Amino acid sequence: MSARPVSKPDACSVLWEESSLPAAGTASRADFWVALEQTGPWGREASVMSHLDAGLGAELARACEQAGGRLLLIRRPGEHSDEHDPDAPRQVIVAGGLAGDPWLLEGEVDDPADLLTLPWDSLLGDDPDRVTARLPLLEETRDAVLLVCTNGKRDVCCAVRGRPVVTAAAQARPGRVWECSHTGGHRFAPTAITLPSGQMWGRLTADLAVRALDEEQRRRIPAELNDPLHNRGLSCLPPPAQAGEVVWRARSGELAHGGVETDVHPDALNPDRFDVVVRHRDGREDQVALRRVTVPELRDSCRKPLGPVRAWEVL
């Protein structure tokens, strides 16, 4: 169950895996996540290239982005026929309060347009009751979820490497694992997000995916993923802070969620250099010096030619 699916030798995720370059600091930026179930195939831009009405998909994606969050489409793992019942209820997952005390809401909607009534500002705060008061169909849950990217139309690595992982993980943890549309970072496929924290992962196996979900339930990071190769960072942090926290956690062995603050100090003379101060609520403090470097002859996507790419380096 633990083997990582094989892609072509020149696939972007294979080249990055062989390079051993870190995944730290590459999490997509989002202060909240809204995931809407949509059966059937997805195109490259899933929110406007699926059986979901394209105009509604574009409006939902735009509303999430303008408020600081991200929209994802999700579907249950398995075979995906081209059939679609527009009147069937759809599962909705909303993760908010990521910068403080994250929370998770779940429910079903008969009309996905209902999501346009979400109180977007409230998705940034620590009180999910303001959201459920507006949309009573959503209820708070203490059960974590795992979303694995399988958006093959965006990048083939996500399909080839993501689908076997999500299938095996869903069998191990029924009802808590979903396929999802593009999350960014397909060069680290198989990639996933655990909610409610918004923690993003790369280079997963099925075993590691299950561990990520189980430890999310405990509001912890798995020891097996507490390193810059797998831990892409928290989506609510900017890239330098993501990378700094990941490096600090790997150094300190800290696994519990929360209780960590980061201050990013750009170098006045070098725009690619940052000092990140990481403070824990128990008084621990560390400084991580980072630099963005250019690496030749890799690709960020299977759709792109070989060329220079960017990665974080710890100084």
Protein backbone atom coordinates (compact mmCIF):
# COMPACT_ATOMS: atom_id res chain seq x y z
CA MET A 1 0.00 0.00 0.00
CA SER A 2 2.93 2.33 0.58
CA ALA A 3 4.50 2.41 -2.91
CA ARG A 4 4.30 5.67 -4.82
CA PRO A 5 2.67 5.36 -8.28
CA VAL A 6 5.07 5.51 -11.22
CA SER A 7 5.02 8.26 -13.86
CA LYS A 8 7.12 8.74 -16.98
CA PRO A 9 10.83 9.36 -16.30
CA ASP A 10 10.59 12.97 -17.52
CA ALA A 11 7.36 13.79 -15.67
CA CYS A 12 7.60 16.95 -13.56
CA SER A 13 6.98 15.14 -10.25
CA VAL A 14 9.60 12.49 -11.06
CA LEU A 15 12.24 15.08 -11.90
CA TRP A 16 11.55 17.02 -8.70
CA GLU A 17 11.57 13.84 -6.65
CA GLU A 18 14.95 12.86 -8.06
CA SER A 19 16.27 16.36 -7.37
CA SER A 20 15.42 16.08 -3.65
CA LEU A 21 14.52 19.78 -3.71
CA PRO A 22 12.26 20.83 -0.84
CA ALA A 23 8.49 21.22 -1.08
CA ALA A 24 8.49 23.62 1.87
CA GLY A 25 7.09 27.05 1.15
CA THR A 26 5.01 25.99 -1.87
CA ALA A 27 1.52 25.73 -0.33
CA SER A 28 -1.18 27.59 -2.25
CA ARG A 29 -2.27 30.76 -0.46
CA ALA A 30 -5.73 30.57 1.04
CA ASP A 31 -7.17 31.86 4.31
CA PHE A 32 -10.15 29.53 3.92
CA TRP A 33 -11.25 26.68 1.63
CA VAL A 34 -14.66 25.99 0.10
CA ALA A 35 -15.04 22.55 -1.47
CA LEU A 36 -18.11 21.73 -3.60
CA GLU A 37 -18.98 18.26 -4.83
CA GLN A 38 -19.20 18.00 -8.61
CA THR A 39 -19.45 14.61 -10.25
CA GLY A 40 -18.15 13.75 -13.70
CA PRO A 41 -15.01 14.91 -15.50
CA TRP A 42 -13.15 18.14 -14.84
CA GLY A 43 -11.23 20.25 -17.32
CA ARG A 44 -8.03 22.19 -16.80
CA GLU A 45 -9.95 24.98 -15.03
CA ALA A 46 -12.34 22.74 -13.14
CA SER A 47 -14.66 25.42 -11.76
CA VAL A 48 -15.65 26.46 -15.30
CA MET A 49 -14.95 23.17 -17.12
CA SER A 50 -17.24 20.59 -15.57
CA HIS A 51 -20.96 19.87 -15.30
CA LEU A 52 -21.17 22.79 -12.87
CA ASP A 53 -22.64 25.83 -14.61
CA ALA A 54 -19.61 27.74 -15.89
CA GLY A 55 -20.99 31.13 -14.95
CA LEU A 56 -21.76 30.00 -11.41
CA GLY A 57 -18.38 28.30 -11.10
CA ALA A 58 -16.59 31.46 -12.17
CA GLU A 59 -18.64 33.57 -9.75
CA LEU A 60 -17.97 31.23 -6.82
CA ALA A 61 -14.24 31.06 -7.57
CA ARG A 62 -14.07 34.85 -7.88
CA ALA A 63 -15.97 35.41 -4.61
CA CYS A 64 -13.64 33.04 -2.74
CA GLU A 65 -10.53 34.62 -4.20
CA GLN A 66 -11.63 38.18 -3.49
CA ALA A 67 -12.24 37.24 0.16
CA GLY A 68 -8.82 35.55 0.46
CA GLY A 69 -9.82 31.93 0.02
CA ARG A 70 -9.96 29.19 -2.60
CA LEU A 71 -12.72 27.17 -4.25
CA LEU A 72 -12.16 23.49 -5.01
CA LEU A 73 -14.35 20.91 -6.68
CA ILE A 74 -14.45 17.51 -5.00
CA ARG A 75 -15.78 14.09 -5.95
CA ARG A 76 -15.87 10.68 -4.35
CA PRO A 77 -12.97 8.39 -5.29
CA GLY A 78 -13.71 5.84 -8.01
CA GLU A 79 -14.81 5.69 -11.61
CA HIS A 80 -16.13 8.97 -13.02
CA SER A 81 -18.69 8.57 -15.76
CA ASP A 82 -19.93 11.54 -17.77
CA GLU A 83 -23.37 11.27 -16.18
CA HIS A 84 -24.63 14.09 -13.98
CA ASP A 85 -27.87 14.69 -12.14
CA PRO A 86 -28.24 18.46 -11.70
CA ASP A 87 -30.94 17.95 -9.05
CA ALA A 88 -28.88 15.66 -6.82
CA PRO A 89 -27.73 17.13 -3.48
CA ARG A 90 -24.03 17.99 -3.33
CA GLN A 91 -21.65 17.76 -0.42
CA VAL A 92 -20.04 21.01 0.73
CA ILE A 93 -17.00 21.35 2.99
CA VAL A 94 -15.90 24.73 4.37
CA ALA A 95 -12.70 25.19 6.39
CA GLY A 96 -12.23 28.59 7.99
CA GLY A 97 -10.41 30.43 10.75
CA LEU A 98 -7.12 29.05 9.49
CA ALA A 99 -5.00 31.84 10.94
CA GLY A 100 -6.36 31.21 14.44
CA ASP A 101 -8.39 28.21 15.62
CA PRO A 102 -9.42 26.37 12.42
CA TRP A 103 -12.92 24.93 12.13
CA LEU A 104 -14.70 22.70 9.62
CA LEU A 105 -18.30 22.74 8.37
CA GLU A 106 -20.05 20.09 6.28
CA GLY A 107 -23.47 19.77 4.71
CA GLU A 108 -25.42 19.26 1.50
CA VAL A 109 -26.86 21.84 -0.86
CA ASP A 110 -29.58 21.28 -3.44
CA ASP A 111 -28.46 24.38 -5.34
CA PRO A 112 -24.74 25.26 -5.38
CA ALA A 113 -25.71 28.90 -5.93
CA ASP A 114 -26.62 28.94 -2.22
CA LEU A 115 -22.89 29.19 -1.53
CA LEU A 116 -22.91 32.72 -2.92
CA THR A 117 -24.71 33.76 0.28
CA LEU A 118 -21.76 32.72 2.46
CA PRO A 119 -20.65 35.54 4.79
CA TRP A 120 -17.17 35.70 3.31
CA ASP A 121 -15.59 37.85 6.03
CA SER A 122 -16.75 35.37 8.66
CA LEU A 123 -14.76 32.60 7.00
CA LEU A 124 -11.61 34.37 8.20
CA GLY A 125 -12.68 34.43 11.85
CA ASP A 126 -12.74 31.95 14.71
CA ASP A 127 -16.55 31.72 15.03
CA PRO A 128 -18.21 29.27 12.60
CA ASP A 129 -21.63 30.05 14.13
CA ARG A 130 -21.78 33.22 12.04
CA VAL A 131 -21.52 31.04 8.95
CA THR A 132 -24.05 28.40 10.02
CA ALA A 133 -26.49 31.17 10.97
CA ARG A 134 -26.43 32.31 7.35
CA LEU A 135 -26.39 28.77 5.89
CA PRO A 136 -28.06 26.39 8.40
CA LEU A 137 -27.49 23.49 5.98
CA LEU A 138 -23.87 23.49 7.17
CA GLU A 139 -22.93 21.95 10.52
CA GLU A 140 -19.65 21.98 12.40
CA THR A 141 -17.75 18.71 12.52
CA ARG A 142 -14.73 17.53 14.48
CA ASP A 143 -13.84 14.95 11.82
CA ALA A 144 -10.89 15.87 9.62
CA VAL A 145 -10.92 15.40 5.84
CA LEU A 146 -8.24 14.71 3.27
CA LEU A 147 -8.47 16.15 -0.26
CA VAL A 148 -6.11 14.59 -2.83
CA CYS A 149 -5.57 16.36 -6.16
CA THR A 150 -6.48 14.19 -9.16
CA ASN A 151 -7.01 16.97 -11.72
CA GLY A 152 -5.28 15.19 -14.60
CA LYS A 153 -6.39 17.77 -17.18
CA ARG A 154 -4.30 20.30 -15.28
CA ASP A 155 -1.28 18.01 -14.98
CA VAL A 156 -1.05 14.32 -15.77
CA CYS A 157 1.06 13.63 -12.65
CA CYS A 158 -1.97 14.39 -10.47
CA ALA A 159 -4.00 11.71 -12.22
CA VAL A 160 -1.31 9.06 -12.56
CA ARG A 161 0.05 9.48 -9.05
CA GLY A 162 -2.92 10.92 -7.18
CA ARG A 163 -5.70 8.48 -8.06
CA PRO A 164 -4.09 5.29 -6.67
CA VAL A 165 -3.30 7.14 -3.44
CA VAL A 166 -6.79 8.58 -2.99
CA THR A 167 -8.40 5.22 -3.80
CA ALA A 168 -6.35 3.36 -1.21
CA ALA A 169 -6.75 6.09 1.41
CA ALA A 170 -10.53 6.19 0.88
CA GLN A 171 -10.73 2.44 1.41
CA ALA A 172 -8.82 2.82 4.65
CA ARG A 173 -10.85 5.84 5.88
CA PRO A 174 -14.27 5.72 4.18
CA GLY A 175 -16.16 8.98 3.91
CA ARG A 176 -13.25 11.20 4.94
CA VAL A 177 -11.22 11.21 1.72
CA TRP A 178 -12.09 13.04 -1.50
CA GLU A 179 -10.59 13.68 -4.89
CA CYS A 180 -10.16 17.40 -5.51
CA SER A 181 -9.38 19.78 -8.34
CA HIS A 182 -6.12 21.65 -8.84
CA THR A 183 -4.39 22.75 -5.64
CA GLY A 184 -1.05 23.82 -7.14
CA GLY A 185 2.24 22.02 -6.73
CA HIS A 186 1.67 19.12 -9.10
CA ARG A 187 5.47 18.80 -9.34
CA PHE A 188 5.15 17.26 -5.86
CA ALA A 189 2.38 14.81 -6.81
CA PRO A 190 0.70 13.06 -5.16
CA THR A 191 -0.39 16.24 -3.34
CA ALA A 192 -3.11 16.73 -0.73
CA ILE A 193 -4.67 19.13 1.77
CA THR A 194 -5.81 18.19 5.25
CA LEU A 195 -8.68 20.21 6.68
CA PRO A 196 -9.50 22.09 8.82
CA SER A 197 -5.87 23.23 9.23
CA GLY A 198 -5.16 23.94 5.55
CA GLN A 199 -1.94 21.95 5.82
CA MET A 200 -0.62 20.97 2.38
CA TRP A 201 1.44 17.88 1.56
CA GLY A 202 3.50 16.51 -1.31
CA ARG A 203 5.18 13.27 -2.40
CA LEU A 204 2.59 11.15 -0.62
CA THR A 205 2.09 7.42 -0.56
CA ALA A 206 -1.22 5.87 0.46
CA ASP A 207 0.19 5.10 3.91
CA LEU A 208 1.44 8.67 4.35
CA ALA A 209 -1.90 10.05 3.18
CA VAL A 210 -3.74 8.02 5.83
CA ARG A 211 -1.24 9.14 8.46
CA ALA A 212 -1.77 12.77 7.45
CA LEU A 213 -5.54 12.38 7.89
CA ASP A 214 -5.27 10.51 11.21
CA GLU A 215 -2.92 13.08 12.71
CA GLU A 216 -5.06 15.97 11.40
CA GLN A 217 -7.85 14.44 13.43
CA ARG A 218 -5.57 14.81 16.47
CA ARG A 219 -4.56 18.31 15.32
CA ARG A 220 -1.00 17.18 14.77
CA ILE A 221 1.55 16.74 11.98
CA PRO A 222 2.73 13.16 11.38
CA ALA A 223 6.35 12.62 12.37
CA GLU A 224 6.85 10.85 9.02
CA LEU A 225 5.88 14.05 7.16
CA ASN A 226 7.62 16.56 9.40
CA ASP A 227 10.30 17.50 6.91
CA PRO A 228 10.75 19.95 4.01
CA LEU A 229 10.42 17.20 1.39
CA HIS A 230 6.78 16.45 2.26
CA ASN A 231 5.48 19.42 4.27
CA ARG A 232 4.56 22.19 1.80
CA GLY A 233 3.30 24.48 4.56
CA LEU A 234 0.11 26.08 5.84
CA SER A 235 -2.01 27.80 3.22
CA CYS A 236 -2.77 30.76 5.50
CA LEU A 237 0.90 31.83 5.57
CA PRO A 238 2.91 33.64 2.88
CA PRO A 239 5.62 31.48 1.22
CA PRO A 240 8.62 32.63 3.30
CA ALA A 241 6.68 32.06 6.53
CA GLN A 242 5.52 28.66 5.28
CA ALA A 243 9.10 27.61 4.57
CA GLY A 244 10.42 29.03 7.84
CA GLU A 245 7.81 27.24 9.95
CA VAL A 246 8.39 23.95 8.11
CA VAL A 247 12.15 24.16 8.72
CA TRP A 248 11.61 25.10 12.37
CA ARG A 249 9.24 22.18 12.94
CA ALA A 250 11.70 19.77 11.36
CA ARG A 251 14.50 21.13 13.58
CA SER A 252 12.51 21.18 16.81
CA GLY A 253 10.35 18.10 16.29
CA GLU A 254 7.23 20.13 17.15
CA LEU A 255 4.15 18.30 15.81
CA ALA A 256 1.16 19.96 17.50
CA HIS A 257 -0.89 22.35 15.40
CA GLY A 258 -1.04 25.99 16.42
CA GLY A 259 0.86 27.92 19.04
CA VAL A 260 3.40 29.19 16.50
CA GLU A 261 3.86 32.74 15.19
CA THR A 262 6.11 33.79 12.32
CA ASP A 263 7.61 37.18 11.50
CA VAL A 264 9.11 37.59 8.04
CA HIS A 265 11.94 40.09 7.56
CA PRO A 266 12.94 40.68 3.92
CA ASP A 267 16.55 41.54 3.23
CA ALA A 268 16.78 45.17 2.15
CA LEU A 269 19.62 44.42 -0.28
CA ASN A 270 18.56 41.03 -1.64
CA PRO A 271 14.90 40.52 -2.63
CA ASP A 272 15.39 36.73 -2.63
CA ARG A 273 16.63 36.53 0.96
CA PHE A 274 14.44 36.43 4.09
CA ASP A 275 14.93 36.00 7.81
CA VAL A 276 11.97 34.26 9.43
CA VAL A 277 11.58 34.47 13.21
CA VAL A 278 9.49 31.61 14.59
CA ARG A 279 8.04 31.90 18.10
CA HIS A 280 6.25 29.19 20.04
CA ARG A 281 3.81 30.00 22.82
CA ASP A 282 5.98 28.06 25.28
CA GLY A 283 8.76 30.61 24.79
CA ARG A 284 10.90 28.86 22.21
CA GLU A 285 12.23 31.10 19.45
CA ASP A 286 14.35 30.44 16.40
CA GLN A 287 15.48 32.31 13.32
CA VAL A 288 15.54 30.67 9.90
CA ALA A 289 17.50 32.33 7.09
CA LEU A 290 16.07 31.51 3.65
CA ARG A 291 16.94 32.29 0.07
CA ARG A 292 15.04 31.72 -3.16
CA VAL A 293 17.40 30.07 -5.62
CA THR A 294 17.18 29.25 -9.32
CA VAL A 295 17.68 25.61 -10.26
CA PRO A 296 18.38 24.76 -13.93
CA GLU A 297 16.80 22.06 -16.06
CA LEU A 298 13.61 21.14 -14.22
CA ARG A 299 9.95 21.81 -14.98
CA ASP A 300 7.18 23.10 -12.74
CA SER A 301 4.59 21.28 -14.85
CA CYS A 302 4.49 18.46 -17.37
CA ARG A 303 3.06 21.01 -19.81
CA LYS A 304 6.17 23.18 -19.59
CA PRO A 305 9.59 22.64 -21.19
CA LEU A 306 12.71 22.00 -19.16
CA GLY A 307 14.14 25.23 -17.82
CA PRO A 308 15.11 27.15 -14.69
CA VAL A 309 12.80 26.82 -11.66
CA ARG A 310 12.70 28.42 -8.22
CA ALA A 311 13.11 26.72 -4.85
CA TRP A 312 13.78 27.66 -1.23
CA GLU A 313 17.21 27.10 0.29
CA VAL A 314 18.02 27.24 3.99
CA LEU A 315 21.14 29.28 4.72
